[in-house]
PDB file of all heavy atoms in Angstrom:
ATOM      1  N   LEU A   1      14.396  19.125 -44.282  1.00  0.00           N
ATOM      2  CA  LEU A   1      14.273  18.479 -42.968  1.00  0.00           C
ATOM      3  C   LEU A   1      14.630  17.001 -43.047  1.00  0.00           C
ATOM      4  O   LEU A   1      15.369  16.488 -42.206  1.00  0.00           O
ATOM      5  CB  LEU A   1      12.863  18.665 -42.406  1.00  0.00           C
ATOM      6  CG  LEU A   1      12.525  20.089 -41.950  1.00  0.00           C
ATOM      7  CD1 LEU A   1      11.028  20.215 -41.659  1.00  0.00           C
ATOM      8  CD2 LEU A   1      13.357  20.495 -40.736  1.00  0.00           C
ATOM      9  N   LEU A   2      14.127  16.320 -44.052  1.00  0.00           N
ATOM     10  CA  LEU A   2      14.437  14.890 -44.190  1.00  0.00           C
ATOM     11  C   LEU A   2      15.931  14.651 -44.374  1.00  0.00           C
ATOM     12  O   LEU A   2      16.486  13.710 -43.803  1.00  0.00           O
ATOM     13  CB  LEU A   2      13.646  14.286 -45.353  1.00  0.00           C
ATOM     14  CG  LEU A   2      12.143  14.165 -45.138  1.00  0.00           C
ATOM     15  CD1 LEU A   2      11.449  13.730 -46.422  1.00  0.00           C
ATOM     16  CD2 LEU A   2      11.826  13.211 -43.996  1.00  0.00           C
ATOM     17  N   ASP A   3      16.582  15.504 -45.145  1.00  0.00           N
ATOM     18  CA  ASP A   3      18.026  15.354 -45.347  1.00  0.00           C
ATOM     19  C   ASP A   3      18.805  15.663 -44.068  1.00  0.00           C
ATOM     20  O   ASP A   3      19.803  15.016 -43.775  1.00  0.00           O
ATOM     21  CB  ASP A   3      18.507  16.245 -46.482  1.00  0.00           C
ATOM     22  CG  ASP A   3      18.046  15.767 -47.849  1.00  0.00           C
ATOM     23  OD1 ASP A   3      17.539  14.640 -47.954  1.00  0.00           O
ATOM     24  OD2 ASP A   3      18.192  16.541 -48.809  1.00  0.00           O
ATOM     25  N   LEU A   4      18.350  16.646 -43.316  1.00  0.00           N
ATOM     26  CA  LEU A   4      19.007  16.966 -42.054  1.00  0.00           C
ATOM     27  C   LEU A   4      18.888  15.805 -41.066  1.00  0.00           C
ATOM     28  O   LEU A   4      19.818  15.504 -40.324  1.00  0.00           O
ATOM     29  CB  LEU A   4      18.412  18.244 -41.445  1.00  0.00           C
ATOM     30  CG  LEU A   4      18.699  19.536 -42.209  1.00  0.00           C
ATOM     31  CD1 LEU A   4      17.796  20.654 -41.729  1.00  0.00           C
ATOM     32  CD2 LEU A   4      20.165  19.928 -42.080  1.00  0.00           C
ATOM     33  N   TRP A   5      17.741  15.136 -41.054  1.00  0.00           N
ATOM     34  CA  TRP A   5      17.479  14.031 -40.128  1.00  0.00           C
ATOM     35  C   TRP A   5      18.005  12.684 -40.629  1.00  0.00           C
ATOM     36  O   TRP A   5      17.971  11.703 -39.896  1.00  0.00           O
ATOM     37  CB  TRP A   5      15.985  13.879 -39.893  1.00  0.00           C
ATOM     38  CG  TRP A   5      15.291  15.058 -39.316  1.00  0.00           C
ATOM     39  CD1 TRP A   5      15.832  16.080 -38.584  1.00  0.00           C
ATOM     40  CD2 TRP A   5      13.904  15.359 -39.431  1.00  0.00           C
ATOM     41  NE1 TRP A   5      14.862  16.984 -38.238  1.00  0.00           N
ATOM     42  CE2 TRP A   5      13.664  16.569 -38.746  1.00  0.00           C
ATOM     43  CE3 TRP A   5      12.820  14.723 -40.044  1.00  0.00           C
ATOM     44  CZ2 TRP A   5      12.404  17.142 -38.646  1.00  0.00           C
ATOM     45  CZ3 TRP A   5      11.572  15.300 -39.949  1.00  0.00           C
ATOM     46  CH2 TRP A   5      11.361  16.496 -39.256  1.00  0.00           C
ATOM     47  N   ALA A   6      18.461  12.612 -41.854  1.00  0.00           N
ATOM     48  CA  ALA A   6      18.877  11.339 -42.459  1.00  0.00           C
ATOM     49  C   ALA A   6      19.974  10.660 -41.638  1.00  0.00           C
ATOM     50  O   ALA A   6      20.722  11.309 -40.902  1.00  0.00           O
ATOM     51  CB  ALA A   6      19.360  11.573 -43.885  1.00  0.00           C
ATOM     52  N   LYS A   7      20.063   9.355 -41.821  1.00  0.00           N
ATOM     53  CA  LYS A   7      21.046   8.543 -41.098  1.00  0.00           C
ATOM     54  C   LYS A   7      22.462   9.118 -41.219  1.00  0.00           C
ATOM     55  O   LYS A   7      23.222   9.143 -40.258  1.00  0.00           O
ATOM     56  CB  LYS A   7      20.995   7.109 -41.622  1.00  0.00           C
ATOM     57  CG  LYS A   7      21.800   6.132 -40.852  1.00  0.00           C
ATOM     58  CD  LYS A   7      21.580   4.728 -41.379  1.00  0.00           C
ATOM     59  CE  LYS A   7      22.293   3.711 -40.519  1.00  0.00           C
ATOM     60  NZ  LYS A   7      22.036   2.344 -40.967  1.00  0.00           N
ATOM     61  N   ASP A   8      22.802   9.585 -42.413  1.00  0.00           N
ATOM     62  CA  ASP A   8      24.126  10.159 -42.632  1.00  0.00           C
ATOM     63  C   ASP A   8      24.110  11.687 -42.585  1.00  0.00           C
ATOM     64  O   ASP A   8      25.050  12.342 -43.004  1.00  0.00           O
ATOM     65  CB  ASP A   8      24.701   9.672 -43.958  1.00  0.00           C
ATOM     66  CG  ASP A   8      23.832  10.048 -45.157  1.00  0.00           C
ATOM     67  OD1 ASP A   8      22.681  10.508 -44.968  1.00  0.00           O
ATOM     68  OD2 ASP A   8      24.293   9.885 -46.290  1.00  0.00           O
ATOM     69  N   GLY A   9      23.034  12.250 -42.069  1.00  0.00           N
ATOM     70  CA  GLY A   9      22.883  13.698 -42.010  1.00  0.00           C
ATOM     71  C   GLY A   9      23.523  14.328 -40.781  1.00  0.00           C
ATOM     72  O   GLY A   9      23.949  13.632 -39.855  1.00  0.00           O
ATOM     73  N   PRO A  10      23.574  15.643 -40.756  1.00  0.00           N
ATOM     74  CA  PRO A  10      24.254  16.352 -39.676  1.00  0.00           C
ATOM     75  C   PRO A  10      23.541  16.306 -38.325  1.00  0.00           C
ATOM     76  O   PRO A  10      24.128  16.645 -37.306  1.00  0.00           O
ATOM     77  CB  PRO A  10      24.337  17.790 -40.199  1.00  0.00           C
ATOM     78  CG  PRO A  10      23.182  17.913 -41.123  1.00  0.00           C
ATOM     79  CD  PRO A  10      23.043  16.557 -41.766  1.00  0.00           C
ATOM     80  N   ASP A  11      22.289  15.870 -38.312  1.00  0.00           N
ATOM     81  CA  ASP A  11      21.540  15.817 -37.053  1.00  0.00           C
ATOM     82  C   ASP A  11      21.633  14.462 -36.366  1.00  0.00           C
ATOM     83  O   ASP A  11      20.878  14.164 -35.439  1.00  0.00           O
ATOM     84  CB  ASP A  11      20.073  16.192 -37.277  1.00  0.00           C
ATOM     85  CG  ASP A  11      19.900  17.652 -37.663  1.00  0.00           C
ATOM     86  OD1 ASP A  11      20.917  18.358 -37.827  1.00  0.00           O
ATOM     87  OD2 ASP A  11      18.747  18.090 -37.805  1.00  0.00           O
ATOM     88  N   GLY A  12      22.575  13.647 -36.833  1.00  0.00           N
ATOM     89  CA  GLY A  12      22.837  12.382 -36.165  1.00  0.00           C
ATOM     90  C   GLY A  12      21.826  11.286 -36.432  1.00  0.00           C
ATOM     91  O   GLY A  12      21.706  10.344 -35.654  1.00  0.00           O
ATOM     92  N   GLY A  13      21.083  11.397 -37.524  1.00  0.00           N
ATOM     93  CA  GLY A  13      20.143  10.343 -37.884  1.00  0.00           C
ATOM     94  C   GLY A  13      18.849  10.371 -37.107  1.00  0.00           C
ATOM     95  O   GLY A  13      18.092   9.399 -37.126  1.00  0.00           O
ATOM     96  N   ASN A  14      18.558  11.493 -36.448  1.00  0.00           N
ATOM     97  CA  ASN A  14      17.269  11.580 -35.760  1.00  0.00           C
ATOM     98  C   ASN A  14      16.774  13.017 -35.710  1.00  0.00           C
ATOM     99  O   ASN A  14      17.495  13.945 -36.019  1.00  0.00           O
ATOM    100  CB  ASN A  14      17.339  10.962 -34.359  1.00  0.00           C
ATOM    101  CG  ASN A  14      18.198  11.744 -33.406  1.00  0.00           C
ATOM    102  OD1 ASN A  14      17.895  12.877 -33.074  1.00  0.00           O
ATOM    103  ND2 ASN A  14      19.292  11.147 -32.965  1.00  0.00           N
ATOM    104  N   TRP A  15      15.574  13.138 -35.269  1.00  0.00           N
ATOM    105  CA  TRP A  15      14.900  14.436 -35.253  1.00  0.00           C
ATOM    106  C   TRP A  15      14.717  14.984 -33.841  1.00  0.00           C
ATOM    107  O   TRP A  15      14.067  16.010 -33.641  1.00  0.00           O
ATOM    108  CB  TRP A  15      13.562  14.330 -35.940  1.00  0.00           C
ATOM    109  CG  TRP A  15      12.613  13.337 -35.288  1.00  0.00           C
ATOM    110  CD1 TRP A  15      12.745  12.731 -34.057  1.00  0.00           C
ATOM    111  CD2 TRP A  15      11.407  12.849 -35.821  1.00  0.00           C
ATOM    112  NE1 TRP A  15      11.693  11.895 -33.821  1.00  0.00           N
ATOM    113  CE2 TRP A  15      10.840  11.939 -34.896  1.00  0.00           C
ATOM    114  CE3 TRP A  15      10.726  13.070 -36.995  1.00  0.00           C
ATOM    115  CZ2 TRP A  15       9.644  11.278 -35.107  1.00  0.00           C
ATOM    116  CZ3 TRP A  15       9.532  12.402 -37.205  1.00  0.00           C
ATOM    117  CH2 TRP A  15       8.999  11.521 -36.277  1.00  0.00           C
ATOM    118  N   ASP A  16      15.262  14.327 -32.844  1.00  0.00           N
ATOM    119  CA  ASP A  16      14.991  14.676 -31.447  1.00  0.00           C
ATOM    120  C   ASP A  16      15.231  16.148 -31.125  1.00  0.00           C
ATOM    121  O   ASP A  16      14.374  16.809 -30.537  1.00  0.00           O
ATOM    122  CB  ASP A  16      15.831  13.814 -30.500  1.00  0.00           C
ATOM    123  CG  ASP A  16      15.466  12.343 -30.569  1.00  0.00           C
ATOM    124  OD1 ASP A  16      14.397  12.004 -31.126  1.00  0.00           O
ATOM    125  OD2 ASP A  16      16.256  11.517 -30.065  1.00  0.00           O
ATOM    126  N   ARG A  17      16.384  16.668 -31.525  1.00  0.00           N
ATOM    127  CA  ARG A  17      16.674  18.068 -31.187  1.00  0.00           C
ATOM    128  C   ARG A  17      15.821  19.036 -31.998  1.00  0.00           C
ATOM    129  O   ARG A  17      15.503  20.127 -31.520  1.00  0.00           O
ATOM    130  CB  ARG A  17      18.164  18.349 -31.338  1.00  0.00           C
ATOM    131  CG  ARG A  17      18.961  17.630 -30.222  1.00  0.00           C
ATOM    132  CD  ARG A  17      20.416  17.987 -30.208  1.00  0.00           C
ATOM    133  NE  ARG A  17      21.058  17.415 -31.396  1.00  0.00           N
ATOM    134  CZ  ARG A  17      22.267  17.727 -31.813  1.00  0.00           C
ATOM    135  NH1 ARG A  17      22.989  18.614 -31.167  1.00  0.00           N
ATOM    136  NH2 ARG A  17      22.774  17.155 -32.887  1.00  0.00           N
ATOM    137  N   THR A  18      15.414  18.630 -33.201  1.00  0.00           N
ATOM    138  CA  THR A  18      14.502  19.486 -33.974  1.00  0.00           C
ATOM    139  C   THR A  18      13.147  19.545 -33.283  1.00  0.00           C
ATOM    140  O   THR A  18      12.549  20.626 -33.177  1.00  0.00           O
ATOM    141  CB  THR A  18      14.329  18.973 -35.418  1.00  0.00           C
ATOM    142  OG1 THR A  18      15.571  19.096 -36.097  1.00  0.00           O
ATOM    143  CG2 THR A  18      13.267  19.767 -36.170  1.00  0.00           C
ATOM    144  N   ILE A  19      12.657  18.412 -32.811  1.00  0.00           N
ATOM    145  CA  ILE A  19      11.373  18.403 -32.099  1.00  0.00           C
ATOM    146  C   ILE A  19      11.468  19.317 -30.878  1.00  0.00           C
ATOM    147  O   ILE A  19      10.578  20.156 -30.637  1.00  0.00           O
ATOM    148  CB  ILE A  19      10.979  16.961 -31.680  1.00  0.00           C
ATOM    149  CG1 ILE A  19      10.835  16.048 -32.897  1.00  0.00           C
ATOM    150  CG2 ILE A  19       9.717  16.976 -30.835  1.00  0.00           C
ATOM    151  CD1 ILE A  19       9.744  16.394 -33.862  1.00  0.00           C
ATOM    152  N   ASP A  20      12.538  19.186 -30.111  1.00  0.00           N
ATOM    153  CA  ASP A  20      12.735  20.060 -28.947  1.00  0.00           C
ATOM    154  C   ASP A  20      12.773  21.524 -29.365  1.00  0.00           C
ATOM    155  O   ASP A  20      12.174  22.379 -28.707  1.00  0.00           O
ATOM    156  CB  ASP A  20      14.030  19.701 -28.213  1.00  0.00           C
ATOM    157  CG  ASP A  20      13.952  18.376 -27.478  1.00  0.00           C
ATOM    158  OD1 ASP A  20      12.828  17.883 -27.232  1.00  0.00           O
ATOM    159  OD2 ASP A  20      15.024  17.831 -27.154  1.00  0.00           O
ATOM    160  N   ALA A  21      13.478  21.819 -30.455  1.00  0.00           N
ATOM    161  CA  ALA A  21      13.583  23.198 -30.928  1.00  0.00           C
ATOM    162  C   ALA A  21      12.226  23.754 -31.343  1.00  0.00           C
ATOM    163  O   ALA A  21      11.914  24.910 -31.062  1.00  0.00           O
ATOM    164  CB  ALA A  21      14.565  23.286 -32.092  1.00  0.00           C
ATOM    165  N   MET A  22      11.426  22.938 -31.989  1.00  0.00           N
ATOM    166  CA  MET A  22      10.094  23.391 -32.414  1.00  0.00           C
ATOM    167  C   MET A  22       9.208  23.673 -31.201  1.00  0.00           C
ATOM    168  O   MET A  22       8.462  24.651 -31.184  1.00  0.00           O
ATOM    169  CB  MET A  22       9.440  22.353 -33.325  1.00  0.00           C
ATOM    170  CG  MET A  22      10.198  22.095 -34.616  1.00  0.00           C
ATOM    171  SD  MET A  22      10.368  23.531 -35.658  1.00  0.00           S
ATOM    172  CE  MET A  22       8.857  23.429 -36.571  1.00  0.00           C
ATOM    173  N   ILE A  23       9.324  22.837 -30.184  1.00  0.00           N
ATOM    174  CA  ILE A  23       8.492  22.998 -28.979  1.00  0.00           C
ATOM    175  C   ILE A  23       8.936  24.207 -28.162  1.00  0.00           C
ATOM    176  O   ILE A  23       8.103  24.980 -27.690  1.00  0.00           O
ATOM    177  CB  ILE A  23       8.538  21.714 -28.126  1.00  0.00           C
ATOM    178  CG1 ILE A  23       7.813  20.584 -28.848  1.00  0.00           C
ATOM    179  CG2 ILE A  23       7.920  21.950 -26.747  1.00  0.00           C
ATOM    180  CD1 ILE A  23       8.030  19.210 -28.239  1.00  0.00           C
ATOM    181  N   THR A  24      10.234  24.363 -27.990  1.00  0.00           N
ATOM    182  CA  THR A  24      10.713  25.437 -27.115  1.00  0.00           C
ATOM    183  C   THR A  24      10.804  26.796 -27.796  1.00  0.00           C
ATOM    184  O   THR A  24      10.572  27.812 -27.157  1.00  0.00           O
ATOM    185  CB  THR A  24      12.087  25.085 -26.506  1.00  0.00           C
ATOM    186  OG1 THR A  24      13.031  24.867 -27.544  1.00  0.00           O
ATOM    187  CG2 THR A  24      11.999  23.849 -25.631  1.00  0.00           C
ATOM    188  N   SER A  25      11.131  26.821 -29.079  1.00  0.00           N
ATOM    189  CA  SER A  25      11.335  28.099 -29.759  1.00  0.00           C
ATOM    190  C   SER A  25      10.147  28.587 -30.578  1.00  0.00           C
ATOM    191  O   SER A  25      10.066  29.765 -30.897  1.00  0.00           O
ATOM    192  CB  SER A  25      12.565  28.012 -30.676  1.00  0.00           C
ATOM    193  OG  SER A  25      13.720  27.800 -29.909  1.00  0.00           O
ATOM    194  N   HIS A  26       9.276  27.688 -30.977  1.00  0.00           N
ATOM    195  CA  HIS A  26       8.097  28.042 -31.795  1.00  0.00           C
ATOM    196  C   HIS A  26       8.443  28.906 -33.007  1.00  0.00           C
ATOM    197  O   HIS A  26       7.893  29.993 -33.179  1.00  0.00           O
ATOM    198  CB  HIS A  26       7.043  28.766 -30.950  1.00  0.00           C
ATOM    199  CG  HIS A  26       6.629  28.045 -29.732  1.00  0.00           C
ATOM    200  ND1 HIS A  26       5.841  26.925 -29.768  1.00  0.00           N
ATOM    201  CD2 HIS A  26       6.919  28.253 -28.424  1.00  0.00           C
ATOM    202  CE1 HIS A  26       5.644  26.486 -28.547  1.00  0.00           C
ATOM    203  NE2 HIS A  26       6.294  27.261 -27.705  1.00  0.00           N
ATOM    204  N   PRO A  27       9.372  28.453 -33.857  1.00  0.00           N
ATOM    205  CA  PRO A  27       9.722  29.278 -35.017  1.00  0.00           C
ATOM    206  C   PRO A  27       8.523  29.437 -35.952  1.00  0.00           C
ATOM    207  O   PRO A  27       7.762  28.509 -36.164  1.00  0.00           O
ATOM    208  CB  PRO A  27      10.842  28.477 -35.687  1.00  0.00           C
ATOM    209  CG  PRO A  27      10.617  27.065 -35.259  1.00  0.00           C
ATOM    210  CD  PRO A  27      10.035  27.149 -33.879  1.00  0.00           C
ATOM    211  N   GLY A  28       8.378  30.637 -36.487  1.00  0.00           N
ATOM    212  CA  GLY A  28       7.258  30.899 -37.383  1.00  0.00           C
ATOM    213  C   GLY A  28       7.532  30.541 -38.830  1.00  0.00           C
ATOM    214  O   GLY A  28       6.616  30.341 -39.614  1.00  0.00           O
ATOM    215  N   THR A  29       8.818  30.469 -39.173  1.00  0.00           N
ATOM    216  CA  THR A  29       9.227  30.177 -40.542  1.00  0.00           C
ATOM    217  C   THR A  29      10.463  29.266 -40.502  1.00  0.00           C
ATOM    218  O   THR A  29      11.111  29.141 -39.456  1.00  0.00           O
ATOM    219  CB  THR A  29       9.598  31.460 -41.306  1.00  0.00           C
ATOM    220  OG1 THR A  29      10.744  32.050 -40.670  1.00  0.00           O
ATOM    221  CG2 THR A  29       8.440  32.452 -41.342  1.00  0.00           C
ATOM    222  N   PHE A  30      10.791  28.686 -41.642  1.00  0.00           N
ATOM    223  CA  PHE A  30      12.016  27.890 -41.707  1.00  0.00           C
ATOM    224  C   PHE A  30      13.218  28.780 -41.423  1.00  0.00           C
ATOM    225  O   PHE A  30      14.163  28.351 -40.775  1.00  0.00           O
ATOM    226  CB  PHE A  30      12.148  27.203 -43.068  1.00  0.00           C
ATOM    227  CG  PHE A  30      13.261  26.184 -43.108  1.00  0.00           C
ATOM    228  CD1 PHE A  30      13.058  24.897 -42.640  1.00  0.00           C
ATOM    229  CD2 PHE A  30      14.511  26.525 -43.605  1.00  0.00           C
ATOM    230  CE1 PHE A  30      14.092  23.956 -42.655  1.00  0.00           C
ATOM    231  CE2 PHE A  30      15.552  25.593 -43.631  1.00  0.00           C
ATOM    232  CZ  PHE A  30      15.333  24.303 -43.148  1.00  0.00           C
ATOM    233  N   ARG A  31      13.171  30.003 -41.887  1.00  0.00           N
ATOM    234  CA  ARG A  31      14.267  30.954 -41.613  1.00  0.00           C
ATOM    235  C   ARG A  31      14.463  31.111 -40.106  1.00  0.00           C
ATOM    236  O   ARG A  31      15.589  31.083 -39.607  1.00  0.00           O
ATOM    237  CB  ARG A  31      13.971  32.301 -42.266  1.00  0.00           C
ATOM    238  CG  ARG A  31      15.047  33.333 -42.033  1.00  0.00           C
ATOM    239  CD  ARG A  31      14.634  34.685 -42.660  1.00  0.00           C
ATOM    240  NE  ARG A  31      15.760  35.568 -42.721  1.00  0.00           N
ATOM    241  CZ  ARG A  31      16.631  35.649 -43.709  1.00  0.00           C
ATOM    242  NH1 ARG A  31      16.499  34.889 -44.765  1.00  0.00           N
ATOM    243  NH2 ARG A  31      17.639  36.483 -43.664  1.00  0.00           N
ATOM    244  N   ASP A  32      13.359  31.291 -39.348  1.00  0.00           N
ATOM    245  CA  ASP A  32      13.449  31.396 -37.887  1.00  0.00           C
ATOM    246  C   ASP A  32      14.023  30.116 -37.289  1.00  0.00           C
ATOM    247  O   ASP A  32      14.834  30.165 -36.367  1.00  0.00           O
ATOM    248  CB  ASP A  32      12.074  31.647 -37.265  1.00  0.00           C
ATOM    249  CG  ASP A  32      11.474  32.980 -37.620  1.00  0.00           C
ATOM    250  OD1 ASP A  32      12.211  33.894 -38.039  1.00  0.00           O
ATOM    251  OD2 ASP A  32      10.238  33.108 -37.482  1.00  0.00           O
ATOM    252  N   TYR A  33      13.561  28.982 -37.808  1.00  0.00           N
ATOM    253  CA  TYR A  33      14.081  27.697 -37.335  1.00  0.00           C
ATOM    254  C   TYR A  33      15.579  27.628 -37.580  1.00  0.00           C
ATOM    255  O   TYR A  33      16.349  27.270 -36.690  1.00  0.00           O
ATOM    256  CB  TYR A  33      13.357  26.546 -38.044  1.00  0.00           C
ATOM    257  CG  TYR A  33      14.050  25.214 -37.912  1.00  0.00           C
ATOM    258  CD1 TYR A  33      14.069  24.542 -36.701  1.00  0.00           C
ATOM    259  CD2 TYR A  33      14.708  24.646 -38.994  1.00  0.00           C
ATOM    260  CE1 TYR A  33      14.728  23.326 -36.580  1.00  0.00           C
ATOM    261  CE2 TYR A  33      15.363  23.437 -38.886  1.00  0.00           C
ATOM    262  CZ  TYR A  33      15.373  22.775 -37.675  1.00  0.00           C
ATOM    263  OH  TYR A  33      16.038  21.580 -37.557  1.00  0.00           O
ATOM    264  N   TRP A  34      15.999  27.989 -38.778  1.00  0.00           N
ATOM    265  CA  TRP A  34      17.399  27.854 -39.174  1.00  0.00           C
ATOM    266  C   TRP A  34      18.310  28.818 -38.420  1.00  0.00           C
ATOM    267  O   TRP A  34      19.371  28.430 -37.916  1.00  0.00           O
ATOM    268  CB  TRP A  34      17.546  28.071 -40.680  1.00  0.00           C
ATOM    269  CG  TRP A  34      18.927  27.783 -41.148  1.00  0.00           C
ATOM    270  CD1 TRP A  34      19.913  28.692 -41.412  1.00  0.00           C
ATOM    271  CD2 TRP A  34      19.491  26.503 -41.368  1.00  0.00           C
ATOM    272  NE1 TRP A  34      21.066  28.043 -41.794  1.00  0.00           N
ATOM    273  CE2 TRP A  34      20.822  26.688 -41.772  1.00  0.00           C
ATOM    274  CE3 TRP A  34      19.001  25.208 -41.274  1.00  0.00           C
ATOM    275  CZ2 TRP A  34      21.667  25.647 -42.078  1.00  0.00           C
ATOM    276  CZ3 TRP A  34      19.839  24.166 -41.586  1.00  0.00           C
ATOM    277  CH2 TRP A  34      21.161  24.387 -41.975  1.00  0.00           C
ATOM    278  N   LEU A  35      17.916  30.077 -38.353  1.00  0.00           N
ATOM    279  CA  LEU A  35      18.793  31.110 -37.795  1.00  0.00           C
ATOM    280  C   LEU A  35      18.733  31.212 -36.271  1.00  0.00           C
ATOM    281  O   LEU A  35      19.684  31.682 -35.647  1.00  0.00           O
ATOM    282  CB  LEU A  35      18.458  32.469 -38.414  1.00  0.00           C
ATOM    283  CG  LEU A  35      18.697  32.581 -39.923  1.00  0.00           C
ATOM    284  CD1 LEU A  35      18.236  33.928 -40.437  1.00  0.00           C
ATOM    285  CD2 LEU A  35      20.157  32.330 -40.265  1.00  0.00           C
ATOM    286  N   THR A  36      17.638  30.763 -35.666  1.00  0.00           N
ATOM    287  CA  THR A  36      17.479  30.923 -34.222  1.00  0.00           C
ATOM    288  C   THR A  36      17.317  29.592 -33.491  1.00  0.00           C
ATOM    289  O   THR A  36      18.081  29.271 -32.587  1.00  0.00           O
ATOM    290  CB  THR A  36      16.263  31.832 -33.916  1.00  0.00           C
ATOM    291  OG1 THR A  36      16.437  33.078 -34.598  1.00  0.00           O
ATOM    292  CG2 THR A  36      16.137  32.087 -32.435  1.00  0.00           C
ATOM    293  N   ALA A  37      16.309  28.804 -33.880  1.00  0.00           N
ATOM    294  CA  ALA A  37      15.984  27.583 -33.138  1.00  0.00           C
ATOM    295  C   ALA A  37      17.068  26.511 -33.257  1.00  0.00           C
ATOM    296  O   ALA A  37      17.414  25.875 -32.261  1.00  0.00           O
ATOM    297  CB  ALA A  37      14.632  27.031 -33.592  1.00  0.00           C
TER     298      ALA A  37
END
């Protein structure tokens, strides 16, 4: 997660969309987060 959110990471240097994904999708596992959310 930290590497994904990093300044030079693929998530644009922030966690905003991950937070939204966690709230809206409620993944139960990292696999669910990765493959669906």
